[in-house]
């Protein structure tokens, strides 16, 4: 599988797998009151077909999240995958750090990882082309920051667009990722920024 497909396709595949075992996976009841809240399916930008939410899972996702892999710790982390009937997927990952200072440091590392993601993907796959952009801050709680990674293989005409954001509320850091076929012009950037604001405000 080519790397550019991994940014989006891994989200879609992971979401489908998660939904298939929803009935078998539930978050521990005792931890639920203290755990950060996740987005619901209807809070993602509108798609041609409805979003479906998978279960909240403990730890890091097994697949996907290529731009932040190796940065987010498994401890204190939970994630939730989302999908539509079309080739679109999304994920939210929440991490509760031991201290607010460590949460702030994690946010900085995640932002650096997003900013350098395209360069790292190109190193892994020299045939990859693309554009990475920072789309500014969302003013919510301690702030959230939005990025896009637009990738393509000119020789076969494939294009993928991924939107990312990282935000923080106290000790909790949340990362949103959204991906589909196409380019930035066809992505719901305005809606994604709104979803980012909702996600951070909803954490606690």
N, C-alpha and C. Protein backbone atom coordinates (compact mmCIF):
# COMPACT_ATOMS: atom_id res chain seq x y z
N UNK A 1 0.85 -1.20 0.00
CA UNK A 1 0.00 0.00 0.00
C UNK A 1 0.88 1.24 0.00
N UNK A 2 0.58 2.17 -0.88
CA UNK A 2 1.37 3.39 -0.93
C UNK A 2 1.11 4.25 0.30
N UNK A 3 2.10 5.03 0.70
CA UNK A 3 1.99 5.84 1.92
C UNK A 3 0.87 6.83 1.83
N UNK A 4 0.70 7.50 0.67
CA UNK A 4 -0.34 8.52 0.57
C UNK A 4 -1.72 7.95 0.81
N UNK A 5 -1.93 6.67 0.43
CA UNK A 5 -3.20 6.04 0.70
C UNK A 5 -3.37 5.76 2.19
N UNK A 6 -2.27 5.59 2.89
CA UNK A 6 -2.33 5.25 4.31
C UNK A 6 -2.96 6.36 5.13
N UNK A 7 -2.72 7.62 4.76
CA UNK A 7 -3.25 8.74 5.52
C UNK A 7 -4.76 8.66 5.61
N UNK A 8 -5.39 8.30 4.49
CA UNK A 8 -6.84 8.24 4.44
C UNK A 8 -7.38 6.83 4.57
N UNK A 9 -6.84 5.89 3.79
CA UNK A 9 -7.37 4.54 3.73
C UNK A 9 -7.29 3.83 5.07
N UNK A 10 -6.24 4.07 5.84
CA UNK A 10 -6.13 3.42 7.14
C UNK A 10 -7.24 3.87 8.07
N UNK A 11 -7.64 5.13 7.96
CA UNK A 11 -8.77 5.61 8.76
C UNK A 11 -10.04 4.88 8.39
N UNK A 12 -10.30 4.75 7.09
CA UNK A 12 -11.51 4.08 6.63
C UNK A 12 -11.52 2.63 7.05
N UNK A 13 -10.39 1.93 6.86
CA UNK A 13 -10.30 0.52 7.23
C UNK A 13 -10.44 0.32 8.73
N UNK A 14 -9.78 1.17 9.51
CA UNK A 14 -9.84 1.03 10.96
C UNK A 14 -11.25 1.30 11.48
N UNK A 15 -11.91 2.29 10.87
CA UNK A 15 -13.27 2.61 11.29
C UNK A 15 -14.20 1.44 11.01
N UNK A 16 -14.07 0.83 9.82
CA UNK A 16 -14.93 -0.29 9.47
C UNK A 16 -14.70 -1.47 10.40
N UNK A 17 -13.46 -1.74 10.75
CA UNK A 17 -13.13 -2.83 11.66
C UNK A 17 -13.71 -2.57 13.04
N UNK A 18 -13.57 -1.33 13.51
CA UNK A 18 -14.08 -0.98 14.83
C UNK A 18 -15.58 -1.12 14.91
N UNK A 19 -16.29 -0.70 13.85
CA UNK A 19 -17.74 -0.78 13.86
C UNK A 19 -18.22 -2.22 13.85
N UNK A 20 -17.42 -3.10 13.25
CA UNK A 20 -17.82 -4.50 13.16
C UNK A 20 -17.85 -5.18 14.52
N UNK A 21 -17.08 -4.65 15.48
CA UNK A 21 -17.02 -5.28 16.80
C UNK A 21 -17.56 -4.35 17.88
N UNK A 22 -18.38 -3.38 17.48
CA UNK A 22 -18.93 -2.44 18.44
C UNK A 22 -19.65 -3.14 19.58
N UNK A 23 -20.37 -4.17 19.24
CA UNK A 23 -21.15 -4.85 20.28
C UNK A 23 -20.28 -5.55 21.29
N UNK A 24 -19.02 -5.80 20.96
CA UNK A 24 -18.13 -6.52 21.86
C UNK A 24 -17.24 -5.62 22.69
N UNK A 25 -17.22 -4.30 22.37
CA UNK A 25 -16.27 -3.40 23.02
C UNK A 25 -17.00 -2.24 23.69
N UNK A 26 -16.78 -2.08 24.98
CA UNK A 26 -17.36 -0.96 25.70
C UNK A 26 -16.32 -0.39 26.65
N UNK A 27 -16.40 0.91 26.90
CA UNK A 27 -15.47 1.54 27.84
C UNK A 27 -15.84 1.12 29.26
N UNK A 28 -14.89 0.94 30.15
CA UNK A 28 -15.19 0.56 31.53
C UNK A 28 -16.09 1.59 32.20
N UNK A 29 -17.15 1.13 32.83
CA UNK A 29 -18.12 2.04 33.42
C UNK A 29 -17.51 2.92 34.50
N UNK A 30 -16.58 2.36 35.27
CA UNK A 30 -16.02 3.12 36.38
C UNK A 30 -15.20 4.31 35.90
N UNK A 31 -14.59 4.20 34.70
CA UNK A 31 -13.73 5.27 34.21
C UNK A 31 -14.51 6.34 33.46
N UNK A 32 -15.74 6.01 33.05
CA UNK A 32 -16.50 6.90 32.18
C UNK A 32 -16.71 8.31 32.75
N UNK A 33 -17.08 8.47 34.04
CA UNK A 33 -17.35 9.83 34.52
C UNK A 33 -16.15 10.77 34.44
N UNK A 34 -14.94 10.25 34.62
CA UNK A 34 -13.75 11.10 34.63
C UNK A 34 -13.12 11.24 33.25
N UNK A 35 -13.53 10.39 32.31
CA UNK A 35 -12.89 10.39 30.99
C UNK A 35 -13.38 11.56 30.14
N UNK A 36 -12.50 12.12 29.31
CA UNK A 36 -12.93 13.19 28.39
C UNK A 36 -14.00 12.68 27.44
N UNK A 37 -14.88 13.56 27.05
CA UNK A 37 -15.97 13.19 26.15
C UNK A 37 -15.50 13.23 24.70
N UNK A 38 -16.11 12.39 23.88
CA UNK A 38 -15.80 12.31 22.46
C UNK A 38 -16.90 12.93 21.62
N UNK A 39 -16.55 13.27 20.39
CA UNK A 39 -17.55 13.73 19.44
C UNK A 39 -18.56 12.61 19.16
N UNK A 40 -19.76 13.02 18.77
CA UNK A 40 -20.75 12.07 18.25
C UNK A 40 -20.65 12.07 16.73
N UNK A 41 -21.26 11.11 16.10
CA UNK A 41 -21.18 11.00 14.64
C UNK A 41 -21.70 12.26 13.95
N UNK A 42 -22.79 12.83 14.48
CA UNK A 42 -23.40 13.98 13.84
C UNK A 42 -22.63 15.28 13.99
N UNK A 43 -21.55 15.28 14.75
CA UNK A 43 -20.78 16.51 14.96
C UNK A 43 -19.62 16.69 13.99
N UNK A 44 -19.42 15.71 13.08
CA UNK A 44 -18.43 15.87 12.02
C UNK A 44 -19.03 16.66 10.87
N UNK A 45 -18.21 17.27 10.01
CA UNK A 45 -18.76 18.01 8.86
C UNK A 45 -19.66 17.11 8.03
N UNK A 46 -20.73 17.68 7.51
CA UNK A 46 -21.71 16.91 6.74
C UNK A 46 -21.06 16.22 5.55
N UNK A 47 -21.50 14.98 5.28
CA UNK A 47 -21.03 14.21 4.16
C UNK A 47 -22.22 13.78 3.31
N UNK A 48 -21.95 13.21 2.14
CA UNK A 48 -23.04 12.78 1.27
C UNK A 48 -23.83 11.63 1.89
N UNK A 49 -23.20 10.86 2.75
CA UNK A 49 -23.89 9.82 3.50
C UNK A 49 -23.60 10.03 4.98
N UNK A 50 -24.48 9.59 5.87
CA UNK A 50 -24.31 9.87 7.30
C UNK A 50 -23.06 9.25 7.89
N UNK A 51 -22.53 9.90 8.92
CA UNK A 51 -21.42 9.36 9.69
C UNK A 51 -21.93 8.30 10.67
N UNK A 52 -21.09 7.31 10.91
CA UNK A 52 -21.36 6.29 11.92
C UNK A 52 -20.18 6.25 12.88
N UNK A 53 -20.46 6.20 14.17
CA UNK A 53 -19.41 6.21 15.19
C UNK A 53 -19.11 4.81 15.69
N UNK A 54 -17.83 4.49 15.81
CA UNK A 54 -17.42 3.24 16.43
C UNK A 54 -17.34 3.39 17.94
N UNK A 55 -16.92 2.36 18.64
CA UNK A 55 -16.82 2.42 20.10
C UNK A 55 -15.60 3.23 20.53
N UNK A 56 -15.62 3.73 21.75
CA UNK A 56 -14.44 4.36 22.35
C UNK A 56 -13.53 3.23 22.83
N UNK A 57 -12.26 3.28 22.39
CA UNK A 57 -11.32 2.22 22.73
C UNK A 57 -10.16 2.78 23.55
N UNK A 58 -9.64 1.98 24.45
CA UNK A 58 -8.49 2.38 25.26
C UNK A 58 -7.20 2.20 24.47
N UNK A 59 -6.25 3.10 24.71
CA UNK A 59 -4.95 2.99 24.07
C UNK A 59 -4.90 3.64 22.70
N UNK A 60 -3.79 3.38 22.00
CA UNK A 60 -3.57 3.95 20.68
C UNK A 60 -4.23 3.10 19.61
N UNK A 61 -4.63 3.71 18.49
CA UNK A 61 -5.18 2.93 17.39
C UNK A 61 -4.10 2.05 16.77
N UNK A 62 -4.51 0.89 16.28
CA UNK A 62 -3.55 -0.04 15.69
C UNK A 62 -3.08 0.43 14.32
N UNK A 63 -3.98 1.08 13.56
CA UNK A 63 -3.65 1.52 12.22
C UNK A 63 -3.96 3.00 12.06
N UNK A 64 -3.35 3.60 11.04
CA UNK A 64 -3.63 4.99 10.73
C UNK A 64 -2.83 5.96 11.58
N UNK A 65 -3.30 7.21 11.64
CA UNK A 65 -2.65 8.27 12.41
C UNK A 65 -1.17 8.39 12.03
N UNK A 66 -0.88 8.34 10.73
CA UNK A 66 0.51 8.29 10.28
C UNK A 66 1.29 9.56 10.62
N UNK A 67 0.61 10.69 10.73
CA UNK A 67 1.32 11.94 11.00
C UNK A 67 1.69 12.10 12.47
N UNK A 68 1.04 11.35 13.36
CA UNK A 68 1.30 11.49 14.79
C UNK A 68 1.82 10.21 15.42
N UNK A 69 2.09 9.20 14.60
CA UNK A 69 2.59 7.92 15.12
C UNK A 69 3.90 8.12 15.87
N UNK A 70 3.99 7.51 17.05
CA UNK A 70 5.20 7.60 17.85
C UNK A 70 5.28 8.82 18.74
N UNK A 71 4.27 9.68 18.68
CA UNK A 71 4.27 10.90 19.50
C UNK A 71 3.32 10.75 20.70
N UNK A 72 2.11 10.33 20.43
CA UNK A 72 1.11 10.20 21.50
C UNK A 72 1.39 8.96 22.35
N UNK A 73 1.41 9.08 23.67
CA UNK A 73 1.64 7.91 24.53
C UNK A 73 0.38 7.06 24.63
N UNK A 74 0.56 5.77 24.85
CA UNK A 74 -0.59 4.89 25.02
C UNK A 74 -1.28 5.13 26.36
N UNK A 75 -0.49 5.44 27.39
CA UNK A 75 -1.05 5.67 28.71
C UNK A 75 -1.95 6.90 28.70
N UNK A 76 -3.13 6.76 29.26
CA UNK A 76 -4.06 7.88 29.35
C UNK A 76 -4.75 8.21 28.05
N UNK A 77 -4.63 7.34 27.04
CA UNK A 77 -5.17 7.63 25.71
C UNK A 77 -6.35 6.73 25.38
N UNK A 78 -7.34 7.32 24.72
CA UNK A 78 -8.47 6.59 24.15
C UNK A 78 -8.74 7.16 22.75
N UNK A 79 -9.36 6.37 21.91
CA UNK A 79 -9.65 6.84 20.56
C UNK A 79 -11.00 6.32 20.09
N UNK A 80 -11.53 7.00 19.08
CA UNK A 80 -12.80 6.60 18.50
C UNK A 80 -12.75 6.83 17.00
N UNK A 81 -13.14 5.82 16.20
CA UNK A 81 -13.16 5.93 14.75
C UNK A 81 -14.56 6.20 14.24
N UNK A 82 -14.63 6.87 13.10
CA UNK A 82 -15.89 7.23 12.46
C UNK A 82 -15.77 6.92 10.97
N UNK A 83 -16.90 6.62 10.32
CA UNK A 83 -16.88 6.36 8.88
C UNK A 83 -18.21 6.77 8.25
N UNK A 84 -18.19 6.91 6.92
CA UNK A 84 -19.41 7.11 6.15
C UNK A 84 -19.54 5.95 5.18
N UNK A 85 -20.63 5.94 4.40
CA UNK A 85 -20.82 4.89 3.41
C UNK A 85 -19.84 5.05 2.25
N UNK A 86 -19.31 6.25 2.07
CA UNK A 86 -18.35 6.52 1.01
C UNK A 86 -16.93 6.38 1.53
N UNK A 87 -15.97 6.74 0.70
CA UNK A 87 -14.56 6.55 1.03
C UNK A 87 -14.04 7.69 1.90
N UNK A 88 -14.64 7.86 3.06
CA UNK A 88 -14.28 8.94 3.99
C UNK A 88 -14.21 8.37 5.40
N UNK A 89 -13.18 8.74 6.14
CA UNK A 89 -13.02 8.26 7.50
C UNK A 89 -12.51 9.36 8.41
N UNK A 90 -12.67 9.17 9.70
CA UNK A 90 -12.21 10.16 10.68
C UNK A 90 -11.90 9.46 11.99
N UNK A 91 -11.18 10.18 12.84
CA UNK A 91 -10.80 9.63 14.14
C UNK A 91 -10.60 10.77 15.14
N UNK A 92 -10.96 10.51 16.40
CA UNK A 92 -10.61 11.41 17.50
C UNK A 92 -9.81 10.61 18.52
N UNK A 93 -8.68 11.17 18.96
CA UNK A 93 -7.84 10.55 19.97
C UNK A 93 -7.67 11.52 21.13
N UNK A 94 -8.04 11.10 22.32
CA UNK A 94 -7.93 11.92 23.53
C UNK A 94 -6.87 11.35 24.47
N UNK A 95 -6.01 12.21 24.97
CA UNK A 95 -4.97 11.79 25.90
C UNK A 95 -5.01 12.67 27.14
N UNK A 96 -5.10 12.06 28.31
CA UNK A 96 -5.03 12.80 29.57
C UNK A 96 -3.61 12.65 30.10
N UNK A 97 -2.87 13.75 30.12
CA UNK A 97 -1.48 13.74 30.59
C UNK A 97 -1.43 13.81 32.11
N UNK A 98 -0.32 13.39 32.73
CA UNK A 98 -0.21 13.44 34.19
C UNK A 98 -0.29 14.85 34.75
N UNK A 99 0.23 15.84 34.01
CA UNK A 99 0.21 17.23 34.45
C UNK A 99 -0.15 18.13 33.28
N UNK A 100 -0.53 19.35 33.58
CA UNK A 100 -0.84 20.30 32.51
C UNK A 100 0.41 20.66 31.72
N UNK A 101 1.56 20.70 32.39
CA UNK A 101 2.81 21.01 31.70
C UNK A 101 3.13 19.92 30.66
N UNK A 102 2.88 18.65 31.03
CA UNK A 102 3.14 17.57 30.08
C UNK A 102 2.12 17.59 28.94
N UNK A 103 0.90 18.01 29.22
CA UNK A 103 -0.11 18.14 28.17
C UNK A 103 0.30 19.24 27.18
N UNK A 104 0.83 20.33 27.71
CA UNK A 104 1.29 21.42 26.87
C UNK A 104 2.46 20.97 25.99
N UNK A 105 3.38 20.20 26.58
CA UNK A 105 4.52 19.68 25.82
C UNK A 105 4.07 18.70 24.74
N UNK A 106 3.10 17.86 25.06
CA UNK A 106 2.58 16.92 24.07
C UNK A 106 1.93 17.66 22.91
N UNK A 107 1.18 18.71 23.21
CA UNK A 107 0.57 19.52 22.15
C UNK A 107 1.62 20.08 21.21
N UNK A 108 2.70 20.58 21.78
CA UNK A 108 3.79 21.14 20.96
C UNK A 108 4.41 20.07 20.07
N UNK A 109 4.62 18.87 20.62
CA UNK A 109 5.21 17.78 19.84
C UNK A 109 4.28 17.34 18.72
N UNK A 110 2.99 17.28 19.01
CA UNK A 110 2.01 16.90 17.99
C UNK A 110 1.96 17.94 16.87
N UNK A 111 2.00 19.21 17.24
CA UNK A 111 2.00 20.27 16.22
C UNK A 111 3.24 20.16 15.33
N UNK A 112 4.37 19.89 15.93
CA UNK A 112 5.60 19.72 15.15
C UNK A 112 5.49 18.51 14.23
N UNK A 113 4.89 17.44 14.72
CA UNK A 113 4.70 16.24 13.91
C UNK A 113 3.80 16.49 12.72
N UNK A 114 2.73 17.26 12.93
CA UNK A 114 1.83 17.58 11.83
C UNK A 114 2.51 18.49 10.81
N UNK A 115 3.27 19.46 11.29
CA UNK A 115 3.94 20.40 10.40
C UNK A 115 4.99 19.70 9.53
N UNK A 116 5.60 18.65 10.04
CA UNK A 116 6.66 17.95 9.30
C UNK A 116 6.18 16.68 8.62
N UNK A 117 4.90 16.38 8.71
CA UNK A 117 4.38 15.10 8.24
C UNK A 117 4.66 14.86 6.76
N UNK A 118 4.35 15.81 5.92
CA UNK A 118 4.53 15.61 4.48
C UNK A 118 5.99 15.34 4.13
N UNK A 119 6.90 16.07 4.74
CA UNK A 119 8.33 15.85 4.46
C UNK A 119 8.73 14.43 4.83
N UNK A 120 8.22 13.93 5.96
CA UNK A 120 8.55 12.58 6.38
C UNK A 120 7.95 11.53 5.43
N UNK A 121 6.72 11.79 4.95
CA UNK A 121 6.10 10.88 4.01
C UNK A 121 6.88 10.83 2.69
N UNK A 122 7.37 11.98 2.25
CA UNK A 122 8.14 12.04 1.01
C UNK A 122 9.47 11.29 1.15
N UNK A 123 10.06 11.34 2.33
CA UNK A 123 11.29 10.59 2.57
C UNK A 123 11.05 9.09 2.44
N UNK A 124 9.88 8.65 2.90
CA UNK A 124 9.53 7.24 2.83
C UNK A 124 9.16 6.82 1.41
N UNK A 125 8.63 7.75 0.63
CA UNK A 125 8.15 7.43 -0.72
C UNK A 125 8.48 8.58 -1.66
N UNK A 126 9.61 8.51 -2.38
CA UNK A 126 10.05 9.61 -3.24
C UNK A 126 9.07 9.94 -4.37
N UNK A 127 8.17 9.03 -4.73
CA UNK A 127 7.20 9.30 -5.78
C UNK A 127 6.03 10.16 -5.35
N UNK A 128 5.97 10.44 -4.07
CA UNK A 128 4.86 11.22 -3.52
C UNK A 128 5.06 12.72 -3.73
N UNK A 129 3.99 13.41 -4.09
CA UNK A 129 3.99 14.86 -4.15
C UNK A 129 2.85 15.37 -3.27
N UNK A 130 2.90 16.65 -2.92
CA UNK A 130 1.82 17.17 -2.10
C UNK A 130 2.09 18.53 -1.53
N UNK A 131 1.12 19.01 -0.76
CA UNK A 131 1.21 20.31 -0.11
C UNK A 131 0.72 20.18 1.32
N UNK A 132 1.47 20.75 2.25
CA UNK A 132 1.07 20.77 3.65
C UNK A 132 0.84 22.22 4.07
N UNK A 133 -0.25 22.47 4.79
CA UNK A 133 -0.58 23.84 5.18
C UNK A 133 -1.04 23.91 6.63
N UNK A 134 -0.74 25.03 7.26
CA UNK A 134 -1.27 25.34 8.59
C UNK A 134 -2.40 26.33 8.40
N UNK A 135 -3.56 26.03 8.98
CA UNK A 135 -4.76 26.83 8.75
C UNK A 135 -5.19 27.66 9.96
N UNK A 136 -4.29 27.84 10.90
CA UNK A 136 -4.57 28.76 11.98
C UNK A 136 -5.11 28.13 13.25
N UNK A 137 -5.33 29.00 14.22
CA UNK A 137 -5.76 28.61 15.56
C UNK A 137 -7.27 28.74 15.70
N UNK A 138 -7.86 27.79 16.42
CA UNK A 138 -9.26 27.88 16.82
C UNK A 138 -9.26 28.31 18.28
N UNK A 139 -9.91 29.40 18.58
CA UNK A 139 -9.88 29.95 19.94
C UNK A 139 -10.92 29.26 20.82
N UNK A 140 -10.47 28.20 21.46
CA UNK A 140 -11.31 27.43 22.37
C UNK A 140 -10.41 26.88 23.47
N UNK A 141 -10.81 27.02 24.73
CA UNK A 141 -10.02 26.57 25.88
C UNK A 141 -8.57 27.04 25.73
N UNK A 142 -7.60 26.08 25.81
CA UNK A 142 -6.19 26.48 25.66
C UNK A 142 -5.74 26.57 24.20
N UNK A 143 -6.68 26.43 23.29
CA UNK A 143 -6.39 26.59 21.87
C UNK A 143 -6.36 25.29 21.10
N UNK A 144 -6.63 25.38 19.79
CA UNK A 144 -6.55 24.25 18.88
C UNK A 144 -5.95 24.74 17.56
N UNK A 145 -5.29 23.84 16.82
CA UNK A 145 -4.53 24.23 15.64
C UNK A 145 -4.84 23.27 14.50
N UNK A 146 -5.09 23.82 13.31
CA UNK A 146 -5.59 23.04 12.19
C UNK A 146 -4.57 22.97 11.06
N UNK A 147 -4.41 21.77 10.49
CA UNK A 147 -3.45 21.51 9.42
C UNK A 147 -4.12 20.69 8.31
N UNK A 148 -3.53 20.74 7.12
CA UNK A 148 -3.96 19.85 6.04
C UNK A 148 -2.73 19.24 5.38
N UNK A 149 -2.90 18.01 4.89
CA UNK A 149 -1.86 17.32 4.13
C UNK A 149 -2.51 16.81 2.85
N UNK A 150 -2.15 17.43 1.73
CA UNK A 150 -2.74 17.14 0.42
C UNK A 150 -1.70 16.36 -0.38
N UNK A 151 -1.97 15.10 -0.72
CA UNK A 151 -0.96 14.25 -1.35
C UNK A 151 -1.45 13.70 -2.68
N UNK A 152 -0.49 13.37 -3.55
CA UNK A 152 -0.86 12.81 -4.85
C UNK A 152 0.29 12.00 -5.44
N UNK A 153 -0.08 11.12 -6.37
CA UNK A 153 0.87 10.41 -7.23
C UNK A 153 0.54 10.79 -8.67
N UNK A 154 1.24 11.78 -9.23
CA UNK A 154 0.93 12.27 -10.57
C UNK A 154 0.90 11.18 -11.64
N UNK A 155 1.78 10.17 -11.50
CA UNK A 155 1.87 9.16 -12.55
C UNK A 155 0.62 8.28 -12.63
N UNK A 156 -0.14 8.18 -11.56
CA UNK A 156 -1.37 7.39 -11.60
C UNK A 156 -2.62 8.23 -11.35
N UNK A 157 -2.43 9.51 -11.08
CA UNK A 157 -3.56 10.42 -10.94
C UNK A 157 -4.34 10.30 -9.65
N UNK A 158 -3.79 9.71 -8.60
CA UNK A 158 -4.51 9.57 -7.33
C UNK A 158 -4.21 10.76 -6.42
N UNK A 159 -5.23 11.22 -5.74
CA UNK A 159 -5.07 12.33 -4.80
C UNK A 159 -5.82 12.02 -3.51
N UNK A 160 -5.26 12.44 -2.39
CA UNK A 160 -5.88 12.26 -1.08
C UNK A 160 -5.72 13.54 -0.28
N UNK A 161 -6.73 13.87 0.51
CA UNK A 161 -6.65 15.04 1.38
C UNK A 161 -6.94 14.60 2.81
N UNK A 162 -6.11 15.05 3.73
CA UNK A 162 -6.31 14.77 5.15
C UNK A 162 -6.30 16.09 5.92
N UNK A 163 -7.26 16.24 6.80
CA UNK A 163 -7.32 17.39 7.71
C UNK A 163 -7.00 16.90 9.11
N UNK A 164 -6.22 17.70 9.82
CA UNK A 164 -5.80 17.35 11.18
C UNK A 164 -5.96 18.56 12.09
N UNK A 165 -6.21 18.29 13.36
CA UNK A 165 -6.16 19.37 14.35
C UNK A 165 -5.73 18.79 15.69
N UNK A 166 -5.10 19.63 16.49
CA UNK A 166 -4.72 19.26 17.85
C UNK A 166 -5.13 20.39 18.77
N UNK A 167 -5.81 20.05 19.86
CA UNK A 167 -6.27 21.05 20.81
C UNK A 167 -6.10 20.58 22.23
N UNK A 168 -6.20 21.51 23.17
CA UNK A 168 -5.97 21.16 24.57
C UNK A 168 -6.94 21.88 25.50
N UNK A 169 -7.38 21.15 26.51
CA UNK A 169 -8.16 21.71 27.61
C UNK A 169 -7.52 21.19 28.90
N UNK A 170 -6.73 22.03 29.54
CA UNK A 170 -6.05 21.61 30.76
C UNK A 170 -5.08 20.47 30.50
N UNK A 171 -5.28 19.34 31.17
CA UNK A 171 -4.40 18.18 31.03
C UNK A 171 -4.77 17.30 29.84
N UNK A 172 -5.88 17.60 29.18
CA UNK A 172 -6.36 16.74 28.09
C UNK A 172 -6.02 17.31 26.73
N UNK A 173 -5.44 16.46 25.89
CA UNK A 173 -5.09 16.81 24.51
C UNK A 173 -5.94 15.97 23.57
N UNK A 174 -6.54 16.59 22.57
CA UNK A 174 -7.33 15.85 21.59
C UNK A 174 -6.77 16.07 20.19
N UNK A 175 -6.75 15.01 19.40
CA UNK A 175 -6.32 15.08 18.00
C UNK A 175 -7.46 14.59 17.12
N UNK A 176 -7.82 15.39 16.12
CA UNK A 176 -8.83 15.00 15.14
C UNK A 176 -8.15 14.77 13.81
N UNK A 177 -8.56 13.74 13.10
CA UNK A 177 -8.07 13.50 11.75
C UNK A 177 -9.24 13.08 10.86
N UNK A 178 -9.25 13.61 9.65
CA UNK A 178 -10.32 13.38 8.69
C UNK A 178 -9.69 13.19 7.33
N UNK A 179 -10.14 12.21 6.53
CA UNK A 179 -9.51 11.99 5.24
C UNK A 179 -10.47 11.43 4.21
N UNK A 180 -10.22 11.79 2.94
CA UNK A 180 -10.99 11.24 1.83
C UNK A 180 -10.22 11.43 0.53
N UNK A 181 -10.71 10.82 -0.55
CA UNK A 181 -10.17 11.05 -1.87
C UNK A 181 -10.42 12.50 -2.27
N UNK A 182 -9.49 13.07 -3.04
CA UNK A 182 -9.68 14.44 -3.51
C UNK A 182 -8.58 15.36 -3.06
N UNK A 183 -8.87 16.66 -3.10
CA UNK A 183 -7.87 17.65 -2.71
C UNK A 183 -8.48 18.64 -1.73
N UNK A 184 -7.68 19.63 -1.33
CA UNK A 184 -8.11 20.57 -0.31
C UNK A 184 -9.33 21.37 -0.74
N UNK A 185 -9.42 21.67 -2.03
CA UNK A 185 -10.55 22.45 -2.53
C UNK A 185 -11.88 21.76 -2.26
N UNK A 186 -11.87 20.43 -2.20
CA UNK A 186 -13.10 19.69 -1.96
C UNK A 186 -13.30 19.27 -0.53
N UNK A 187 -12.42 19.71 0.36
CA UNK A 187 -12.51 19.32 1.78
C UNK A 187 -13.32 20.36 2.57
N UNK A 188 -14.05 19.93 3.59
CA UNK A 188 -14.87 20.85 4.40
C UNK A 188 -14.04 21.54 5.48
N UNK A 189 -13.09 22.38 5.06
CA UNK A 189 -12.17 23.00 6.02
C UNK A 189 -12.91 23.83 7.06
N UNK A 190 -13.87 24.64 6.62
CA UNK A 190 -14.62 25.47 7.57
C UNK A 190 -15.38 24.60 8.57
N UNK A 191 -16.01 23.55 8.06
CA UNK A 191 -16.74 22.65 8.95
C UNK A 191 -15.82 21.90 9.89
N UNK A 192 -14.62 21.55 9.41
CA UNK A 192 -13.66 20.85 10.25
C UNK A 192 -13.18 21.74 11.39
N UNK A 193 -12.97 23.03 11.10
CA UNK A 193 -12.59 23.96 12.17
C UNK A 193 -13.70 24.05 13.22
N UNK A 194 -14.95 24.07 12.75
CA UNK A 194 -16.07 24.11 13.70
C UNK A 194 -16.11 22.84 14.54
N UNK A 195 -15.90 21.69 13.90
CA UNK A 195 -15.87 20.43 14.62
C UNK A 195 -14.75 20.41 15.65
N UNK A 196 -13.60 20.97 15.29
CA UNK A 196 -12.47 21.05 16.22
C UNK A 196 -12.85 21.85 17.46
N UNK A 197 -13.51 22.99 17.26
CA UNK A 197 -13.94 23.80 18.40
C UNK A 197 -14.92 23.05 19.29
N UNK A 198 -15.85 22.34 18.67
CA UNK A 198 -16.81 21.55 19.44
C UNK A 198 -16.10 20.46 20.23
N UNK A 199 -15.14 19.80 19.59
CA UNK A 199 -14.44 18.68 20.25
C UNK A 199 -13.69 19.13 21.48
N UNK A 200 -12.98 20.25 21.38
CA UNK A 200 -12.21 20.73 22.54
C UNK A 200 -13.14 21.22 23.64
N UNK A 201 -14.17 21.96 23.27
CA UNK A 201 -15.12 22.48 24.26
C UNK A 201 -15.87 21.35 24.96
N UNK A 202 -16.04 20.24 24.29
CA UNK A 202 -16.82 19.11 24.82
C UNK A 202 -16.01 18.20 25.73
N UNK A 203 -14.69 18.31 25.73
CA UNK A 203 -13.84 17.37 26.46
C UNK A 203 -14.24 17.26 27.93
N UNK A 204 -14.46 18.41 28.60
CA UNK A 204 -14.78 18.41 30.03
C UNK A 204 -15.91 19.40 30.33
